Amino acid sequence: MKFLLLLVLVFFSSFINAQEVNLICDLTFQSDVTGRNETQKFRTRVEIFQTKDFLSIIPDSDLLGSVSTSKRENSNFTNYSNGTKWDLQRRSHSKDGVLNVHIIIDRNAGTMSYNSSFLHTNTLTSYTRAFGECQKIDVSKKKF
């Protein structure tokens, strides 16, 4: 019984210091897919979840990919985050090519930068970039 209680406490202690932040970001999106350039402005929600050993940045948009420090097959990540920014890069390999996604959120300036590229058989086939300003969503004020 003591072992079970200790196990439960250890499991939940990692979430005690967990931080969840929700942002609303106004971004300018630019893409270059095989020479076709596109630019558009849009608004998206971004969810950041962080514990001592884990970080995920998840934009709620079909245009942007997400990144996390979870270990996956054929994928690796580099976490450059510190106290003033969330900065996470993921590189994923598949039979079709290599996808790089890099998201930086400056916590002091309130800005977000997103870059991704897809390299297919050593030829850059697509590159996307998004940048703009974000505001924290106050989840204590509910409209419904």
N, C-alpha and C. Protein backbone atom coordinates (compact mmCIF):
# COMPACT_ATOMS: atom_id res chain seq x y z
N MET A 1 0.83 -1.20 0.00
CA MET A 1 0.00 0.00 0.00
C MET A 1 0.87 1.26 0.00
N LYS A 2 1.93 1.27 0.82
CA LYS A 2 2.83 2.43 0.87
C LYS A 2 3.51 2.63 -0.47
N PHE A 3 3.87 1.51 -1.12
CA PHE A 3 4.52 1.60 -2.42
C PHE A 3 3.59 2.24 -3.44
N LEU A 4 2.34 1.84 -3.43
CA LEU A 4 1.36 2.39 -4.36
C LEU A 4 1.16 3.89 -4.14
N LEU A 5 1.08 4.29 -2.87
CA LEU A 5 0.94 5.71 -2.55
C LEU A 5 2.17 6.49 -3.00
N LEU A 6 3.36 5.92 -2.79
CA LEU A 6 4.59 6.57 -3.22
C LEU A 6 4.63 6.70 -4.74
N LEU A 7 4.21 5.68 -5.44
CA LEU A 7 4.18 5.70 -6.89
C LEU A 7 3.25 6.79 -7.40
N VAL A 8 2.07 6.91 -6.81
CA VAL A 8 1.11 7.94 -7.21
C VAL A 8 1.68 9.33 -6.94
N LEU A 9 2.33 9.53 -5.80
CA LEU A 9 2.92 10.82 -5.47
C LEU A 9 4.03 11.20 -6.43
N VAL A 10 4.87 10.25 -6.80
CA VAL A 10 5.95 10.52 -7.75
C VAL A 10 5.37 10.89 -9.11
N PHE A 11 4.34 10.16 -9.54
CA PHE A 11 3.71 10.44 -10.83
C PHE A 11 3.13 11.84 -10.88
N PHE A 12 2.38 12.24 -9.84
CA PHE A 12 1.74 13.55 -9.84
C PHE A 12 2.69 14.68 -9.48
N SER A 13 3.82 14.39 -8.86
CA SER A 13 4.75 15.46 -8.51
C SER A 13 5.36 16.10 -9.75
N SER A 14 5.46 15.35 -10.84
CA SER A 14 5.98 15.94 -12.06
C SER A 14 5.02 16.95 -12.65
N PHE A 15 3.72 16.85 -12.32
CA PHE A 15 2.73 17.78 -12.84
C PHE A 15 2.45 18.95 -11.89
N ILE A 16 2.98 18.89 -10.68
CA ILE A 16 2.77 19.98 -9.73
C ILE A 16 3.39 21.26 -10.26
N ASN A 17 4.56 21.15 -10.84
CA ASN A 17 5.25 22.32 -11.39
C ASN A 17 4.94 22.51 -12.87
N ALA A 18 3.90 21.89 -13.35
CA ALA A 18 3.52 22.03 -14.75
C ALA A 18 2.96 23.42 -15.01
N GLN A 19 3.23 23.88 -16.21
CA GLN A 19 2.75 25.19 -16.61
C GLN A 19 2.02 25.03 -17.94
N GLU A 20 0.79 25.53 -18.00
CA GLU A 20 0.04 25.55 -19.24
C GLU A 20 -0.30 26.99 -19.56
N VAL A 21 0.06 27.41 -20.76
CA VAL A 21 -0.17 28.79 -21.19
C VAL A 21 -0.92 28.73 -22.52
N ASN A 22 -1.97 29.52 -22.63
CA ASN A 22 -2.74 29.63 -23.87
C ASN A 22 -2.57 31.04 -24.42
N LEU A 23 -2.22 31.11 -25.70
CA LEU A 23 -2.00 32.39 -26.36
C LEU A 23 -2.94 32.52 -27.55
N ILE A 24 -3.23 33.75 -27.91
CA ILE A 24 -3.90 34.05 -29.17
C ILE A 24 -2.91 34.90 -29.96
N CYS A 25 -2.59 34.46 -31.17
CA CYS A 25 -1.53 35.09 -31.95
C CYS A 25 -2.07 35.58 -33.29
N ASP A 26 -1.70 36.81 -33.64
CA ASP A 26 -1.99 37.38 -34.96
C ASP A 26 -0.71 37.24 -35.78
N LEU A 27 -0.76 36.37 -36.79
CA LEU A 27 0.45 36.01 -37.52
C LEU A 27 0.35 36.34 -39.00
N THR A 28 1.49 36.60 -39.58
CA THR A 28 1.63 36.70 -41.02
C THR A 28 2.30 35.42 -41.48
N PHE A 29 1.67 34.73 -42.41
CA PHE A 29 2.14 33.43 -42.88
C PHE A 29 2.67 33.59 -44.30
N GLN A 30 3.86 33.08 -44.53
CA GLN A 30 4.46 33.10 -45.86
C GLN A 30 4.88 31.69 -46.21
N SER A 31 4.57 31.28 -47.43
CA SER A 31 4.99 29.94 -47.87
C SER A 31 5.56 30.01 -49.27
N ASP A 32 6.49 29.13 -49.50
CA ASP A 32 7.08 28.97 -50.83
C ASP A 32 7.09 27.47 -51.11
N VAL A 33 6.14 27.04 -51.90
CA VAL A 33 6.03 25.64 -52.25
C VAL A 33 6.39 25.51 -53.72
N THR A 34 7.53 24.94 -54.00
CA THR A 34 8.06 24.76 -55.36
C THR A 34 7.89 26.02 -56.21
N GLY A 35 8.36 27.15 -55.69
CA GLY A 35 8.36 28.40 -56.44
C GLY A 35 7.08 29.21 -56.38
N ARG A 36 6.03 28.69 -55.76
CA ARG A 36 4.77 29.42 -55.62
C ARG A 36 4.76 30.13 -54.28
N ASN A 37 4.83 31.45 -54.28
CA ASN A 37 4.86 32.22 -53.05
C ASN A 37 3.45 32.63 -52.64
N GLU A 38 3.17 32.53 -51.36
CA GLU A 38 1.86 32.87 -50.82
C GLU A 38 2.06 33.61 -49.50
N THR A 39 1.23 34.63 -49.24
CA THR A 39 1.25 35.34 -47.96
C THR A 39 -0.18 35.55 -47.51
N GLN A 40 -0.41 35.32 -46.22
CA GLN A 40 -1.74 35.59 -45.66
C GLN A 40 -1.61 35.89 -44.17
N LYS A 41 -2.59 36.61 -43.66
CA LYS A 41 -2.64 36.93 -42.24
C LYS A 41 -3.76 36.11 -41.62
N PHE A 42 -3.52 35.64 -40.39
CA PHE A 42 -4.54 34.87 -39.70
C PHE A 42 -4.31 34.92 -38.20
N ARG A 43 -5.31 34.50 -37.47
CA ARG A 43 -5.26 34.45 -36.00
C ARG A 43 -5.37 32.99 -35.59
N THR A 44 -4.54 32.61 -34.62
CA THR A 44 -4.58 31.23 -34.14
C THR A 44 -4.32 31.17 -32.65
N ARG A 45 -4.83 30.15 -32.04
CA ARG A 45 -4.58 29.88 -30.63
C ARG A 45 -3.36 28.97 -30.54
N VAL A 46 -2.49 29.21 -29.57
CA VAL A 46 -1.29 28.39 -29.36
C VAL A 46 -1.29 27.93 -27.91
N GLU A 47 -1.13 26.63 -27.71
CA GLU A 47 -1.09 26.06 -26.36
C GLU A 47 0.33 25.60 -26.06
N ILE A 48 0.86 26.05 -24.94
CA ILE A 48 2.18 25.64 -24.48
C ILE A 48 1.98 24.87 -23.18
N PHE A 49 2.57 23.68 -23.12
CA PHE A 49 2.51 22.89 -21.90
C PHE A 49 3.94 22.52 -21.54
N GLN A 50 4.32 22.80 -20.28
CA GLN A 50 5.70 22.58 -19.87
C GLN A 50 5.77 22.00 -18.47
N THR A 51 6.58 20.97 -18.33
CA THR A 51 6.95 20.43 -17.03
C THR A 51 8.47 20.49 -16.96
N LYS A 52 9.03 19.92 -15.92
CA LYS A 52 10.49 19.93 -15.78
C LYS A 52 11.16 19.25 -16.97
N ASP A 53 10.59 18.15 -17.45
CA ASP A 53 11.23 17.34 -18.49
C ASP A 53 10.50 17.35 -19.83
N PHE A 54 9.45 18.13 -19.97
CA PHE A 54 8.64 18.07 -21.18
C PHE A 54 8.20 19.46 -21.61
N LEU A 55 8.16 19.70 -22.92
CA LEU A 55 7.65 20.94 -23.48
C LEU A 55 6.92 20.62 -24.77
N SER A 56 5.74 21.19 -24.93
CA SER A 56 5.04 21.08 -26.21
C SER A 56 4.49 22.46 -26.58
N ILE A 57 4.55 22.78 -27.87
CA ILE A 57 3.98 24.01 -28.42
C ILE A 57 3.06 23.56 -29.55
N ILE A 58 1.76 23.83 -29.36
CA ILE A 58 0.76 23.31 -30.30
C ILE A 58 -0.09 24.44 -30.84
N PRO A 59 0.19 24.91 -32.06
CA PRO A 59 -0.70 25.89 -32.70
C PRO A 59 -1.98 25.21 -33.17
N ASP A 60 -3.11 25.89 -33.02
CA ASP A 60 -4.40 25.38 -33.45
C ASP A 60 -4.68 25.89 -34.86
N SER A 61 -3.88 25.41 -35.81
CA SER A 61 -3.99 25.88 -37.18
C SER A 61 -3.54 24.77 -38.12
N ASP A 62 -4.21 24.66 -39.25
CA ASP A 62 -3.79 23.69 -40.26
C ASP A 62 -2.52 24.14 -40.98
N LEU A 63 -2.18 25.43 -40.86
CA LEU A 63 -1.01 25.96 -41.56
C LEU A 63 0.30 25.69 -40.82
N LEU A 64 0.22 25.50 -39.49
CA LEU A 64 1.43 25.37 -38.67
C LEU A 64 1.51 24.00 -38.02
N GLY A 65 2.70 23.47 -37.96
CA GLY A 65 2.93 22.20 -37.27
C GLY A 65 3.24 22.43 -35.80
N SER A 66 3.18 21.39 -35.02
CA SER A 66 3.48 21.48 -33.59
C SER A 66 4.84 20.85 -33.32
N VAL A 67 5.40 21.17 -32.15
CA VAL A 67 6.67 20.59 -31.73
C VAL A 67 6.56 20.18 -30.27
N SER A 68 7.32 19.16 -29.90
CA SER A 68 7.37 18.75 -28.50
C SER A 68 8.67 18.01 -28.24
N THR A 69 8.95 17.83 -26.98
CA THR A 69 10.16 17.10 -26.60
C THR A 69 9.90 15.62 -26.40
N SER A 70 8.74 15.13 -26.82
CA SER A 70 8.46 13.70 -26.69
C SER A 70 9.35 12.93 -27.67
N LYS A 71 9.81 11.80 -27.22
CA LYS A 71 10.69 10.98 -28.05
C LYS A 71 9.84 10.17 -29.02
N ARG A 72 10.22 10.25 -30.29
CA ARG A 72 9.52 9.51 -31.34
C ARG A 72 10.54 8.86 -32.24
N GLU A 73 10.12 7.78 -32.86
CA GLU A 73 11.00 7.11 -33.80
C GLU A 73 11.22 8.01 -35.02
N ASN A 74 12.43 8.01 -35.55
CA ASN A 74 12.80 8.80 -36.74
C ASN A 74 12.63 10.30 -36.52
N SER A 75 12.79 10.76 -35.30
CA SER A 75 12.61 12.17 -34.99
C SER A 75 13.51 12.56 -33.83
N ASN A 76 14.03 13.78 -33.89
CA ASN A 76 14.79 14.28 -32.75
C ASN A 76 14.46 15.75 -32.56
N PHE A 77 14.78 16.26 -31.38
CA PHE A 77 14.44 17.64 -31.06
C PHE A 77 15.64 18.30 -30.39
N THR A 78 15.64 19.63 -30.45
CA THR A 78 16.60 20.45 -29.72
C THR A 78 15.81 21.52 -29.00
N ASN A 79 16.00 21.59 -27.69
CA ASN A 79 15.28 22.55 -26.87
C ASN A 79 16.25 23.66 -26.45
N TYR A 80 16.06 24.86 -27.01
CA TYR A 80 16.89 26.03 -26.70
C TYR A 80 16.19 26.95 -25.69
N SER A 81 15.12 26.50 -25.07
CA SER A 81 14.32 27.35 -24.19
C SER A 81 15.11 27.79 -22.96
N ASN A 82 14.70 28.95 -22.43
CA ASN A 82 15.23 29.44 -21.16
C ASN A 82 14.10 30.21 -20.47
N GLY A 83 14.43 31.00 -19.47
CA GLY A 83 13.41 31.71 -18.71
C GLY A 83 12.69 32.80 -19.48
N THR A 84 13.23 33.25 -20.60
CA THR A 84 12.61 34.35 -21.34
C THR A 84 11.99 33.92 -22.67
N LYS A 85 12.22 32.66 -23.07
CA LYS A 85 11.65 32.23 -24.35
C LYS A 85 11.43 30.73 -24.36
N TRP A 86 10.43 30.31 -25.13
CA TRP A 86 10.26 28.91 -25.49
C TRP A 86 10.83 28.80 -26.89
N ASP A 87 11.76 27.88 -27.09
CA ASP A 87 12.47 27.76 -28.36
C ASP A 87 12.73 26.28 -28.60
N LEU A 88 11.97 25.71 -29.52
CA LEU A 88 12.00 24.26 -29.72
C LEU A 88 12.07 23.95 -31.21
N GLN A 89 12.97 23.04 -31.55
CA GLN A 89 13.14 22.63 -32.94
C GLN A 89 13.03 21.11 -33.03
N ARG A 90 12.29 20.64 -34.04
CA ARG A 90 12.14 19.19 -34.25
C ARG A 90 12.49 18.87 -35.69
N ARG A 91 13.22 17.76 -35.84
CA ARG A 91 13.59 17.25 -37.16
C ARG A 91 13.05 15.83 -37.27
N SER A 92 12.21 15.59 -38.28
CA SER A 92 11.59 14.27 -38.47
C SER A 92 11.97 13.72 -39.83
N HIS A 93 12.29 12.44 -39.84
CA HIS A 93 12.70 11.75 -41.07
C HIS A 93 11.63 10.75 -41.48
N SER A 94 11.36 10.68 -42.77
CA SER A 94 10.47 9.66 -43.31
C SER A 94 11.02 9.22 -44.66
N LYS A 95 10.37 8.24 -45.28
CA LYS A 95 10.84 7.78 -46.59
C LYS A 95 10.70 8.87 -47.65
N ASP A 96 9.81 9.86 -47.39
CA ASP A 96 9.59 10.93 -48.36
C ASP A 96 10.57 12.09 -48.22
N GLY A 97 11.20 12.22 -47.05
CA GLY A 97 12.12 13.33 -46.87
C GLY A 97 12.28 13.70 -45.40
N VAL A 98 12.73 14.94 -45.20
CA VAL A 98 13.02 15.44 -43.85
C VAL A 98 12.19 16.71 -43.61
N LEU A 99 11.49 16.73 -42.47
CA LEU A 99 10.70 17.89 -42.08
C LEU A 99 11.36 18.54 -40.87
N ASN A 100 11.64 19.84 -40.97
CA ASN A 100 12.18 20.62 -39.86
C ASN A 100 11.12 21.63 -39.44
N VAL A 101 10.83 21.69 -38.14
CA VAL A 101 9.90 22.68 -37.60
C VAL A 101 10.58 23.35 -36.42
N HIS A 102 10.56 24.69 -36.41
CA HIS A 102 11.22 25.46 -35.35
C HIS A 102 10.27 26.58 -34.91
N ILE A 103 9.94 26.60 -33.62
CA ILE A 103 9.05 27.62 -33.06
C ILE A 103 9.78 28.33 -31.93
N ILE A 104 9.74 29.67 -31.98
CA ILE A 104 10.31 30.50 -30.91
C ILE A 104 9.22 31.45 -30.44
N ILE A 105 8.97 31.44 -29.13
CA ILE A 105 8.03 32.39 -28.53
C ILE A 105 8.80 33.19 -27.50
N ASP A 106 8.93 34.48 -27.74
CA ASP A 106 9.63 35.39 -26.82
C ASP A 106 8.63 35.82 -25.75
N ARG A 107 8.87 35.41 -24.53
CA ARG A 107 7.91 35.66 -23.45
C ARG A 107 7.92 37.12 -23.01
N ASN A 108 9.00 37.84 -23.23
CA ASN A 108 9.05 39.25 -22.85
C ASN A 108 8.43 40.15 -23.91
N ALA A 109 8.75 39.90 -25.16
CA ALA A 109 8.24 40.73 -26.26
C ALA A 109 6.84 40.33 -26.69
N GLY A 110 6.43 39.10 -26.39
CA GLY A 110 5.11 38.63 -26.82
C GLY A 110 5.05 38.32 -28.31
N THR A 111 6.16 37.84 -28.86
CA THR A 111 6.20 37.54 -30.29
C THR A 111 6.42 36.05 -30.52
N MET A 112 5.99 35.61 -31.70
CA MET A 112 6.17 34.22 -32.10
C MET A 112 6.79 34.18 -33.48
N SER A 113 7.72 33.25 -33.66
CA SER A 113 8.35 33.02 -34.95
C SER A 113 8.27 31.52 -35.25
N TYR A 114 7.83 31.20 -36.45
CA TYR A 114 7.66 29.80 -36.87
C TYR A 114 8.37 29.61 -38.20
N ASN A 115 9.16 28.56 -38.30
CA ASN A 115 9.80 28.21 -39.57
C ASN A 115 9.70 26.71 -39.77
N SER A 116 9.40 26.32 -40.99
CA SER A 116 9.43 24.89 -41.31
C SER A 116 9.92 24.72 -42.74
N SER A 117 10.55 23.60 -42.96
CA SER A 117 11.00 23.27 -44.31
C SER A 117 10.85 21.77 -44.51
N PHE A 118 10.56 21.40 -45.74
CA PHE A 118 10.49 19.99 -46.10
C PHE A 118 11.47 19.75 -47.22
N LEU A 119 12.41 18.87 -46.97
CA LEU A 119 13.45 18.54 -47.94
C LEU A 119 13.15 17.16 -48.51
N HIS A 120 12.86 17.11 -49.79
CA HIS A 120 12.54 15.85 -50.45
C HIS A 120 13.72 15.46 -51.34
N THR A 121 14.32 14.34 -51.05
CA THR A 121 15.48 13.83 -51.81
C THR A 121 16.47 14.94 -52.15
N ASN A 122 16.91 15.65 -51.12
CA ASN A 122 17.92 16.71 -51.22
C ASN A 122 17.49 17.91 -52.05
N THR A 123 16.21 18.06 -52.31
CA THR A 123 15.69 19.23 -53.00
C THR A 123 14.67 19.89 -52.08
N LEU A 124 14.87 21.17 -51.80
CA LEU A 124 13.93 21.89 -50.95
C LEU A 124 12.62 22.04 -51.70
N THR A 125 11.58 21.43 -51.20
CA THR A 125 10.30 21.49 -51.91
C THR A 125 9.32 22.46 -51.28
N SER A 126 9.48 22.74 -49.98
CA SER A 126 8.58 23.72 -49.38
C SER A 126 9.25 24.38 -48.18
N TYR A 127 8.91 25.64 -48.01
CA TYR A 127 9.41 26.41 -46.89
C TYR A 127 8.28 27.31 -46.40
N THR A 128 7.99 27.29 -45.11
CA THR A 128 6.96 28.16 -44.57
C THR A 128 7.51 28.94 -43.39
N ARG A 129 6.94 30.11 -43.22
CA ARG A 129 7.37 30.99 -42.14
C ARG A 129 6.14 31.74 -41.65
N ALA A 130 6.06 31.93 -40.33
CA ALA A 130 5.00 32.74 -39.75
C ALA A 130 5.60 33.55 -38.60
N PHE A 131 5.12 34.75 -38.44
CA PHE A 131 5.64 35.60 -37.37
C PHE A 131 4.56 36.61 -36.99
N GLY A 132 4.61 37.05 -35.75
CA GLY A 132 3.63 38.02 -35.30
C GLY A 132 3.62 38.15 -33.79
N GLU A 133 2.57 38.81 -33.31
CA GLU A 133 2.45 39.09 -31.89
C GLU A 133 1.39 38.21 -31.25
N CYS A 134 1.61 37.91 -29.96
CA CYS A 134 0.69 37.04 -29.21
C CYS A 134 0.29 37.72 -27.90
N GLN A 135 -0.88 37.34 -27.42
CA GLN A 135 -1.35 37.78 -26.11
C GLN A 135 -1.80 36.55 -25.34
N LYS A 136 -1.59 36.59 -24.05
CA LYS A 136 -2.01 35.49 -23.19
C LYS A 136 -3.52 35.52 -23.03
N ILE A 137 -4.15 34.38 -23.13
CA ILE A 137 -5.59 34.27 -22.93
C ILE A 137 -5.83 34.10 -21.44
N ASP A 138 -6.70 34.93 -20.90
CA ASP A 138 -7.05 34.85 -19.49
C ASP A 138 -8.15 33.81 -19.34
N VAL A 139 -7.76 32.59 -18.94
CA VAL A 139 -8.73 31.50 -18.86
C VAL A 139 -9.66 31.63 -17.66
N SER A 140 -9.38 32.57 -16.76
CA SER A 140 -10.28 32.76 -15.61
C SER A 140 -11.53 33.53 -15.99
N LYS A 141 -11.49 34.25 -17.11
CA LYS A 141 -12.65 35.01 -17.60
C LYS A 141 -13.32 34.22 -18.71
N LYS A 142 -14.41 33.58 -18.38
CA LYS A 142 -15.13 32.77 -19.35
C LYS A 142 -16.33 33.54 -19.88
N LYS A 143 -16.57 33.43 -21.17
CA LYS A 143 -17.71 34.10 -21.77
C LYS A 143 -18.94 33.21 -21.78
N PHE A 144 -18.76 31.92 -21.59
CA PHE A 144 -19.89 30.99 -21.62
C PHE A 144 -19.92 30.17 -20.35
